[in-house]
Amino acid sequence: EGLFFPDTYFCAVASSDLALLKQAYSRMQSKLG
Protein backbone atom coordinates (compact mmCIF):
# COMPACT_ATOMS: atom_id res chain seq x y z
CA GLU A 1 0.00 0.00 0.00
CA GLY A 2 1.19 3.48 -0.95
CA LEU A 3 4.57 2.34 -2.30
CA PHE A 4 3.98 3.32 -5.93
CA PHE A 5 4.18 6.87 -7.18
CA PRO A 6 1.01 8.19 -8.86
CA ASP A 7 1.85 9.54 -12.30
CA THR A 8 1.31 8.91 -16.02
CA TYR A 9 3.55 6.10 -17.23
CA PHE A 10 4.51 5.09 -20.75
CA CYS A 11 5.81 1.62 -21.50
CA ALA A 12 6.28 -0.67 -24.46
CA VAL A 13 3.16 -2.56 -25.46
CA ALA A 14 3.25 -6.12 -24.05
CA SER A 15 5.75 -5.16 -21.36
CA SER A 16 5.25 -6.70 -17.92
CA ASP A 17 2.96 -5.07 -15.39
CA LEU A 18 5.59 -6.00 -12.79
CA ALA A 19 8.16 -3.89 -14.66
CA LEU A 20 5.74 -0.95 -14.54
CA LEU A 21 5.22 -1.43 -10.80
CA LYS A 22 8.98 -1.54 -10.31
CA GLN A 23 9.32 1.77 -12.16
CA ALA A 24 6.57 3.37 -10.05
CA TYR A 25 8.16 2.06 -6.85
CA SER A 26 11.57 3.45 -7.80
CA ARG A 27 10.02 6.82 -8.57
CA MET A 28 8.28 6.91 -5.19
CA GLN A 29 11.52 6.07 -3.41
CA SER A 30 13.31 8.83 -5.31
CA LYS A 31 10.63 11.43 -4.50
CA LEU A 32 10.47 10.44 -0.85
CA GLY A 33 14.23 10.49 -0.45
PDB file of all heavy atoms in Angstrom:
ATOM      1  N   GLU A   1       0.818  -1.212   0.000  1.00  0.00           N
ATOM      2  CA  GLU A   1       0.000   0.000   0.000  1.00  0.00           C
ATOM      3  C   GLU A   1       0.853   1.264   0.000  1.00  0.00           C
ATOM      4  O   GLU A   1       1.757   1.425   0.825  1.00  0.00           O
ATOM      5  CB  GLU A   1      -0.929   0.002   1.216  1.00  0.00           C
ATOM      6  CG  GLU A   1      -2.135   0.904   1.060  1.00  0.00           C
ATOM      7  CD  GLU A   1      -3.069   0.406  -0.028  1.00  0.00           C
ATOM      8  OE1 GLU A   1      -3.769  -0.593   0.187  1.00  0.00           O
ATOM      9  OE2 GLU A   1      -3.077   1.020  -1.120  1.00  0.00           O
ATOM     10  N   GLY A   2       0.562   2.165  -0.932  1.00  0.00           N
ATOM     11  CA  GLY A   2       1.195   3.478  -0.953  1.00  0.00           C
ATOM     12  C   GLY A   2       2.599   3.523  -1.503  1.00  0.00           C
ATOM     13  O   GLY A   2       3.198   4.601  -1.561  1.00  0.00           O
ATOM     14  N   LEU A   3       3.157   2.391  -1.919  1.00  0.00           N
ATOM     15  CA  LEU A   3       4.575   2.341  -2.303  1.00  0.00           C
ATOM     16  C   LEU A   3       4.842   2.807  -3.726  1.00  0.00           C
ATOM     17  O   LEU A   3       6.003   2.976  -4.106  1.00  0.00           O
ATOM     18  CB  LEU A   3       5.108   0.908  -2.151  1.00  0.00           C
ATOM     19  CG  LEU A   3       5.093   0.307  -0.751  1.00  0.00           C
ATOM     20  CD1 LEU A   3       5.675  -1.111  -0.796  1.00  0.00           C
ATOM     21  CD2 LEU A   3       5.871   1.167   0.232  1.00  0.00           C
ATOM     22  N   PHE A   4       3.799   3.051  -4.513  1.00  0.00           N
ATOM     23  CA  PHE A   4       3.977   3.319  -5.934  1.00  0.00           C
ATOM     24  C   PHE A   4       3.545   4.754  -6.252  1.00  0.00           C
ATOM     25  O   PHE A   4       2.464   5.187  -5.873  1.00  0.00           O
ATOM     26  CB  PHE A   4       3.186   2.299  -6.749  1.00  0.00           C
ATOM     27  CG  PHE A   4       3.552   0.887  -6.374  1.00  0.00           C
ATOM     28  CD1 PHE A   4       2.788   0.171  -5.455  1.00  0.00           C
ATOM     29  CD2 PHE A   4       4.692   0.296  -6.890  1.00  0.00           C
ATOM     30  CE1 PHE A   4       3.143  -1.107  -5.075  1.00  0.00           C
ATOM     31  CE2 PHE A   4       5.058  -0.994  -6.519  1.00  0.00           C
ATOM     32  CZ  PHE A   4       4.280  -1.696  -5.611  1.00  0.00           C
ATOM     33  N   PHE A   5       4.403   5.448  -6.963  1.00  0.00           N
ATOM     34  CA  PHE A   5       4.176   6.875  -7.176  1.00  0.00           C
ATOM     35  C   PHE A   5       3.088   7.104  -8.222  1.00  0.00           C
ATOM     36  O   PHE A   5       3.163   6.564  -9.331  1.00  0.00           O
ATOM     37  CB  PHE A   5       5.469   7.549  -7.639  1.00  0.00           C
ATOM     38  CG  PHE A   5       5.373   9.046  -7.689  1.00  0.00           C
ATOM     39  CD1 PHE A   5       5.326   9.791  -6.534  1.00  0.00           C
ATOM     40  CD2 PHE A   5       5.314   9.709  -8.912  1.00  0.00           C
ATOM     41  CE1 PHE A   5       5.222  11.182  -6.568  1.00  0.00           C
ATOM     42  CE2 PHE A   5       5.210  11.083  -8.967  1.00  0.00           C
ATOM     43  CZ  PHE A   5       5.163  11.830  -7.791  1.00  0.00           C
ATOM     44  N   PRO A   6       2.075   7.911  -7.894  1.00  0.00           N
ATOM     45  CA  PRO A   6       1.009   8.187  -8.858  1.00  0.00           C
ATOM     46  C   PRO A   6       1.483   9.157  -9.937  1.00  0.00           C
ATOM     47  O   PRO A   6       1.947  10.255  -9.641  1.00  0.00           O
ATOM     48  CB  PRO A   6      -0.099   8.807  -7.992  1.00  0.00           C
ATOM     49  CG  PRO A   6       0.619   9.405  -6.823  1.00  0.00           C
ATOM     50  CD  PRO A   6       1.822   8.537  -6.584  1.00  0.00           C
ATOM     51  N   ASP A   7       1.373   8.735 -11.175  1.00  0.00           N
ATOM     52  CA  ASP A   7       1.853   9.539 -12.297  1.00  0.00           C
ATOM     53  C   ASP A   7       1.337   8.888 -13.580  1.00  0.00           C
ATOM     54  O   ASP A   7       0.730   7.812 -13.546  1.00  0.00           O
ATOM     55  CB  ASP A   7       3.382   9.594 -12.297  1.00  0.00           C
ATOM     56  CG  ASP A   7       3.932  10.810 -13.047  1.00  0.00           C
ATOM     57  OD1 ASP A   7       3.138  11.514 -13.705  1.00  0.00           O
ATOM     58  OD2 ASP A   7       5.145  11.052 -12.980  1.00  0.00           O
ATOM     59  N   THR A   8       1.598   9.523 -14.724  1.00  0.00           N
ATOM     60  CA  THR A   8       1.309   8.910 -16.019  1.00  0.00           C
ATOM     61  C   THR A   8       2.559   8.205 -16.507  1.00  0.00           C
ATOM     62  O   THR A   8       3.630   8.804 -16.588  1.00  0.00           O
ATOM     63  CB  THR A   8       0.871   9.966 -17.048  1.00  0.00           C
ATOM     64  OG1 THR A   8      -0.328  10.606 -16.574  1.00  0.00           O
ATOM     65  CG2 THR A   8       0.578   9.321 -18.399  1.00  0.00           C
ATOM     66  N   TYR A   9       2.419   6.921 -16.810  1.00  0.00           N
ATOM     67  CA  TYR A   9       3.550   6.105 -17.231  1.00  0.00           C
ATOM     68  C   TYR A   9       3.368   5.656 -18.678  1.00  0.00           C
ATOM     69  O   TYR A   9       2.248   5.380 -19.123  1.00  0.00           O
ATOM     70  CB  TYR A   9       3.693   4.879 -16.322  1.00  0.00           C
ATOM     71  CG  TYR A   9       4.092   5.225 -14.913  1.00  0.00           C
ATOM     72  CD1 TYR A   9       3.131   5.514 -13.943  1.00  0.00           C
ATOM     73  CD2 TYR A   9       5.430   5.306 -14.551  1.00  0.00           C
ATOM     74  CE1 TYR A   9       3.501   5.856 -12.651  1.00  0.00           C
ATOM     75  CE2 TYR A   9       5.806   5.643 -13.262  1.00  0.00           C
ATOM     76  CZ  TYR A   9       4.846   5.919 -12.319  1.00  0.00           C
ATOM     77  OH  TYR A   9       5.210   6.264 -11.043  1.00  0.00           O
ATOM     78  N   PHE A  10       4.483   5.588 -19.388  1.00  0.00           N
ATOM     79  CA  PHE A  10       4.506   5.090 -20.749  1.00  0.00           C
ATOM     80  C   PHE A  10       5.445   3.897 -20.806  1.00  0.00           C
ATOM     81  O   PHE A  10       6.567   3.953 -20.292  1.00  0.00           O
ATOM     82  CB  PHE A  10       4.971   6.170 -21.723  1.00  0.00           C
ATOM     83  CG  PHE A  10       4.059   7.368 -21.781  1.00  0.00           C
ATOM     84  CD1 PHE A  10       4.262   8.451 -20.935  1.00  0.00           C
ATOM     85  CD2 PHE A  10       2.991   7.397 -22.660  1.00  0.00           C
ATOM     86  CE1 PHE A  10       3.429   9.555 -20.979  1.00  0.00           C
ATOM     87  CE2 PHE A  10       2.144   8.498 -22.705  1.00  0.00           C
ATOM     88  CZ  PHE A  10       2.356   9.574 -21.869  1.00  0.00           C
ATOM     89  N   CYS A  11       4.976   2.813 -21.402  1.00  0.00           N
ATOM     90  CA  CYS A  11       5.814   1.620 -21.496  1.00  0.00           C
ATOM     91  C   CYS A  11       5.528   0.912 -22.810  1.00  0.00           C
ATOM     92  O   CYS A  11       4.492   1.143 -23.444  1.00  0.00           O
ATOM     93  CB  CYS A  11       5.545   0.683 -20.319  1.00  0.00           C
ATOM     94  SG  CYS A  11       3.829   0.137 -20.205  1.00  0.00           S
ATOM     95  N   ALA A  12       6.454   0.080 -23.223  1.00  0.00           N
ATOM     96  CA  ALA A  12       6.278  -0.669 -24.463  1.00  0.00           C
ATOM     97  C   ALA A  12       5.071  -1.590 -24.351  1.00  0.00           C
ATOM     98  O   ALA A  12       4.840  -2.203 -23.308  1.00  0.00           O
ATOM     99  CB  ALA A  12       7.531  -1.463 -24.777  1.00  0.00           C
ATOM    100  N   VAL A  13       4.290  -1.643 -25.414  1.00  0.00           N
ATOM    101  CA  VAL A  13       3.162  -2.565 -25.459  1.00  0.00           C
ATOM    102  C   VAL A  13       3.676  -3.984 -25.210  1.00  0.00           C
ATOM    103  O   VAL A  13       4.733  -4.376 -25.708  1.00  0.00           O
ATOM    104  CB  VAL A  13       2.452  -2.466 -26.820  1.00  0.00           C
ATOM    105  CG1 VAL A  13       1.415  -3.566 -26.983  1.00  0.00           C
ATOM    106  CG2 VAL A  13       1.809  -1.100 -26.988  1.00  0.00           C
ATOM    107  N   ALA A  14       2.925  -4.735 -24.411  1.00  0.00           N
ATOM    108  CA  ALA A  14       3.248  -6.120 -24.054  1.00  0.00           C
ATOM    109  C   ALA A  14       4.368  -6.217 -23.030  1.00  0.00           C
ATOM    110  O   ALA A  14       4.867  -7.302 -22.755  1.00  0.00           O
ATOM    111  CB  ALA A  14       3.580  -6.961 -25.282  1.00  0.00           C
ATOM    112  N   SER A  15       4.773  -5.096 -22.439  1.00  0.00           N
ATOM    113  CA  SER A  15       5.748  -5.161 -21.357  1.00  0.00           C
ATOM    114  C   SER A  15       5.044  -5.616 -20.081  1.00  0.00           C
ATOM    115  O   SER A  15       3.829  -5.511 -19.931  1.00  0.00           O
ATOM    116  CB  SER A  15       6.443  -3.816 -21.148  1.00  0.00           C
ATOM    117  OG  SER A  15       5.499  -2.808 -20.833  1.00  0.00           O
ATOM    118  N   SER A  16       5.818  -6.104 -19.128  1.00  0.00           N
ATOM    119  CA  SER A  16       5.251  -6.696 -17.920  1.00  0.00           C
ATOM    120  C   SER A  16       4.677  -5.648 -16.977  1.00  0.00           C
ATOM    121  O   SER A  16       5.267  -4.589 -16.760  1.00  0.00           O
ATOM    122  CB  SER A  16       6.343  -7.494 -17.194  1.00  0.00           C
ATOM    123  OG  SER A  16       5.883  -7.931 -15.932  1.00  0.00           O
ATOM    124  N   ASP A  17       3.524  -5.965 -16.395  1.00  0.00           N
ATOM    125  CA  ASP A  17       2.958  -5.068 -15.390  1.00  0.00           C
ATOM    126  C   ASP A  17       3.871  -4.996 -14.158  1.00  0.00           C
ATOM    127  O   ASP A  17       3.903  -3.974 -13.470  1.00  0.00           O
ATOM    128  CB  ASP A  17       1.547  -5.504 -14.992  1.00  0.00           C
ATOM    129  CG  ASP A  17       1.453  -6.949 -14.522  1.00  0.00           C
ATOM    130  OD1 ASP A  17       2.484  -7.652 -14.492  1.00  0.00           O
ATOM    131  OD2 ASP A  17       0.328  -7.389 -14.201  1.00  0.00           O
ATOM    132  N   LEU A  18       4.654  -6.035 -13.905  1.00  0.00           N
ATOM    133  CA  LEU A  18       5.593  -6.000 -12.795  1.00  0.00           C
ATOM    134  C   LEU A  18       6.706  -4.982 -13.049  1.00  0.00           C
ATOM    135  O   LEU A  18       7.157  -4.304 -12.126  1.00  0.00           O
ATOM    136  CB  LEU A  18       6.194  -7.384 -12.563  1.00  0.00           C
ATOM    137  CG  LEU A  18       5.245  -8.449 -12.012  1.00  0.00           C
ATOM    138  CD1 LEU A  18       5.941  -9.800 -11.937  1.00  0.00           C
ATOM    139  CD2 LEU A  18       4.701  -8.049 -10.641  1.00  0.00           C
ATOM    140  N   ALA A  19       7.136  -4.876 -14.316  1.00  0.00           N
ATOM    141  CA  ALA A  19       8.164  -3.885 -14.657  1.00  0.00           C
ATOM    142  C   ALA A  19       7.635  -2.472 -14.440  1.00  0.00           C
ATOM    143  O   ALA A  19       8.362  -1.581 -13.987  1.00  0.00           O
ATOM    144  CB  ALA A  19       8.608  -4.071 -16.103  1.00  0.00           C
ATOM    145  N   LEU A  20       6.347  -2.267 -14.746  1.00  0.00           N
ATOM    146  CA  LEU A  20       5.737  -0.955 -14.537  1.00  0.00           C
ATOM    147  C   LEU A  20       5.647  -0.637 -13.046  1.00  0.00           C
ATOM    148  O   LEU A  20       5.919   0.490 -12.613  1.00  0.00           O
ATOM    149  CB  LEU A  20       4.358  -0.923 -15.184  1.00  0.00           C
ATOM    150  CG  LEU A  20       3.647   0.429 -15.219  1.00  0.00           C
ATOM    151  CD1 LEU A  20       4.466   1.466 -15.960  1.00  0.00           C
ATOM    152  CD2 LEU A  20       2.277   0.284 -15.873  1.00  0.00           C
ATOM    153  N   LEU A  21       5.276  -1.624 -12.249  1.00  0.00           N
ATOM    154  CA  LEU A  21       5.223  -1.425 -10.803  1.00  0.00           C
ATOM    155  C   LEU A  21       6.609  -1.116 -10.248  1.00  0.00           C
ATOM    156  O   LEU A  21       6.758  -0.267  -9.362  1.00  0.00           O
ATOM    157  CB  LEU A  21       4.654  -2.668 -10.123  1.00  0.00           C
ATOM    158  CG  LEU A  21       3.147  -2.877 -10.221  1.00  0.00           C
ATOM    159  CD1 LEU A  21       2.754  -4.215  -9.623  1.00  0.00           C
ATOM    160  CD2 LEU A  21       2.386  -1.748  -9.539  1.00  0.00           C
ATOM    161  N   LYS A  22       7.614  -1.787 -10.756  1.00  0.00           N
ATOM    162  CA  LYS A  22       8.984  -1.535 -10.311  1.00  0.00           C
ATOM    163  C   LYS A  22       9.388  -0.091 -10.603  1.00  0.00           C
ATOM    164  O   LYS A  22      10.025   0.582  -9.787  1.00  0.00           O
ATOM    165  CB  LYS A  22       9.943  -2.493 -11.023  1.00  0.00           C
ATOM    166  CG  LYS A  22      11.388  -2.407 -10.538  1.00  0.00           C
ATOM    167  CD  LYS A  22      11.551  -2.923  -9.124  1.00  0.00           C
ATOM    168  CE  LYS A  22      13.007  -3.009  -8.723  1.00  0.00           C
ATOM    169  NZ  LYS A  22      13.190  -3.503  -7.347  1.00  0.00           N
ATOM    170  N   GLN A  23       9.008   0.390 -11.781  1.00  0.00           N
ATOM    171  CA  GLN A  23       9.317   1.769 -12.160  1.00  0.00           C
ATOM    172  C   GLN A  23       8.603   2.747 -11.230  1.00  0.00           C
ATOM    173  O   GLN A  23       9.210   3.733 -10.769  1.00  0.00           O
ATOM    174  CB  GLN A  23       8.880   2.015 -13.609  1.00  0.00           C
ATOM    175  CG  GLN A  23       9.185   3.418 -14.116  1.00  0.00           C
ATOM    176  CD  GLN A  23       8.677   3.631 -15.535  1.00  0.00           C
ATOM    177  OE1 GLN A  23       8.173   2.704 -16.178  1.00  0.00           O
ATOM    178  NE2 GLN A  23       8.806   4.829 -16.034  1.00  0.00           N
ATOM    179  N   ALA A  24       7.333   2.481 -10.931  1.00  0.00           N
ATOM    180  CA  ALA A  24       6.566   3.371 -10.047  1.00  0.00           C
ATOM    181  C   ALA A  24       7.111   3.336  -8.622  1.00  0.00           C
ATOM    182  O   ALA A  24       7.116   4.357  -7.928  1.00  0.00           O
ATOM    183  CB  ALA A  24       5.092   2.976 -10.067  1.00  0.00           C
ATOM    184  N   TYR A  25       7.562   2.172  -8.177  1.00  0.00           N
ATOM    185  CA  TYR A  25       8.160   2.056  -6.846  1.00  0.00           C
ATOM    186  C   TYR A  25       9.460   2.858  -6.769  1.00  0.00           C
ATOM    187  O   TYR A  25       9.687   3.601  -5.798  1.00  0.00           O
ATOM    188  CB  TYR A  25       8.428   0.598  -6.512  1.00  0.00           C
ATOM    189  CG  TYR A  25       9.217   0.396  -5.229  1.00  0.00           C
ATOM    190  CD1 TYR A  25       8.611   0.570  -3.993  1.00  0.00           C
ATOM    191  CD2 TYR A  25      10.569   0.053  -5.271  1.00  0.00           C
ATOM    192  CE1 TYR A  25       9.336   0.404  -2.813  1.00  0.00           C
ATOM    193  CE2 TYR A  25      11.294  -0.119  -4.102  1.00  0.00           C
ATOM    194  CZ  TYR A  25      10.672   0.069  -2.873  1.00  0.00           C
ATOM    195  OH  TYR A  25      11.400  -0.085  -1.717  1.00  0.00           O
ATOM    196  N   SER A  26      10.295   2.724  -7.781  1.00  0.00           N
ATOM    197  CA  SER A  26      11.570   3.454  -7.799  1.00  0.00           C
ATOM    198  C   SER A  26      11.341   4.957  -7.797  1.00  0.00           C
ATOM    199  O   SER A  26      12.056   5.707  -7.128  1.00  0.00           O
ATOM    200  CB  SER A  26      12.390   3.046  -9.029  1.00  0.00           C
ATOM    201  OG  SER A  26      12.741   1.683  -8.965  1.00  0.00           O
ATOM    202  N   ARG A  27      10.319   5.389  -8.529  1.00  0.00           N
ATOM    203  CA  ARG A  27      10.024   6.822  -8.570  1.00  0.00           C
ATOM    204  C   ARG A  27       9.538   7.317  -7.209  1.00  0.00           C
ATOM    205  O   ARG A  27       9.894   8.417  -6.783  1.00  0.00           O
ATOM    206  CB  ARG A  27       8.983   7.114  -9.658  1.00  0.00           C
ATOM    207  CG  ARG A  27       8.819   8.599  -9.945  1.00  0.00           C
ATOM    208  CD  ARG A  27       7.972   8.857 -11.164  1.00  0.00           C
ATOM    209  NE  ARG A  27       8.602   8.329 -12.372  1.00  0.00           N
ATOM    210  CZ  ARG A  27       8.076   8.454 -13.601  1.00  0.00           C
ATOM    211  NH1 ARG A  27       6.920   9.073 -13.757  1.00  0.00           N
ATOM    212  NH2 ARG A  27       8.696   7.954 -14.641  1.00  0.00           N
ATOM    213  N   MET A  28       8.737   6.510  -6.523  1.00  0.00           N
ATOM    214  CA  MET A  28       8.275   6.909  -5.192  1.00  0.00           C
ATOM    215  C   MET A  28       9.451   7.001  -4.230  1.00  0.00           C
ATOM    216  O   MET A  28       9.548   7.956  -3.441  1.00  0.00           O
ATOM    217  CB  MET A  28       7.241   5.907  -4.666  1.00  0.00           C
ATOM    218  CG  MET A  28       6.754   6.230  -3.252  1.00  0.00           C
ATOM    219  SD  MET A  28       5.893   7.829  -3.127  1.00  0.00           S
ATOM    220  CE  MET A  28       4.214   7.332  -3.570  1.00  0.00           C
ATOM    221  N   GLN A  29      10.365   6.037  -4.288  1.00  0.00           N
ATOM    222  CA  GLN A  29      11.523   6.071  -3.408  1.00  0.00           C
ATOM    223  C   GLN A  29      12.385   7.306  -3.675  1.00  0.00           C
ATOM    224  O   GLN A  29      12.904   7.937  -2.750  1.00  0.00           O
ATOM    225  CB  GLN A  29      12.357   4.797  -3.599  1.00  0.00           C
ATOM    226  CG  GLN A  29      11.673   3.533  -3.125  1.00  0.00           C
ATOM    227  CD  GLN A  29      11.277   3.604  -1.659  1.00  0.00           C
ATOM    228  OE1 GLN A  29      12.122   3.731  -0.784  1.00  0.00           O
ATOM    229  NE2 GLN A  29       9.978   3.534  -1.384  1.00  0.00           N
ATOM    230  N   SER A  30      12.516   7.655  -4.944  1.00  0.00           N
ATOM    231  CA  SER A  30      13.306   8.826  -5.312  1.00  0.00           C
ATOM    232  C   SER A  30      12.662  10.111  -4.792  1.00  0.00           C
ATOM    233  O   SER A  30      13.344  10.974  -4.220  1.00  0.00           O
ATOM    234  CB  SER A  30      13.459   8.888  -6.832  1.00  0.00           C
ATOM    235  OG  SER A  30      14.161  10.036  -7.223  1.00  0.00           O
ATOM    236  N   LYS A  31      11.340  10.235  -4.978  1.00  0.00           N
ATOM    237  CA  LYS A  31      10.626  11.425  -4.503  1.00  0.00           C
ATOM    238  C   LYS A  31      10.700  11.538  -2.984  1.00  0.00           C
ATOM    239  O   LYS A  31      10.970  12.611  -2.432  1.00  0.00           O
ATOM    240  CB  LYS A  31       9.164  11.372  -4.955  1.00  0.00           C
ATOM    241  CG  LYS A  31       8.947  11.526  -6.442  1.00  0.00           C
ATOM    242  CD  LYS A  31       9.159  12.946  -6.901  1.00  0.00           C
ATOM    243  CE  LYS A  31       8.796  13.093  -8.379  1.00  0.00           C
ATOM    244  NZ  LYS A  31       9.068  14.460  -8.878  1.00  0.00           N
ATOM    245  N   LEU A  32      10.441  10.438  -2.309  1.00  0.00           N
ATOM    246  CA  LEU A  32      10.468  10.445  -0.851  1.00  0.00           C
ATOM    247  C   LEU A  32      11.847  10.822  -0.320  1.00  0.00           C
ATOM    248  O   LEU A  32      11.969  11.632   0.598  1.00  0.00           O
ATOM    249  CB  LEU A  32      10.077   9.063  -0.315  1.00  0.00           C
ATOM    250  CG  LEU A  32       8.593   8.714  -0.289  1.00  0.00           C
ATOM    251  CD1 LEU A  32       8.416   7.244   0.065  1.00  0.00           C
ATOM    252  CD2 LEU A  32       7.838   9.596   0.693  1.00  0.00           C
ATOM    253  N   GLY A  33      12.877  10.224  -0.922  1.00  0.00           N
ATOM    254  CA  GLY A  33      14.233  10.492  -0.452  1.00  0.00           C
ATOM    255  C   GLY A  33      14.621  11.950  -0.611  1.00  0.00           C
ATOM    256  O   GLY A  33      15.203  12.557   0.307  1.00  0.00           O
TER     257      GLY A  33
END
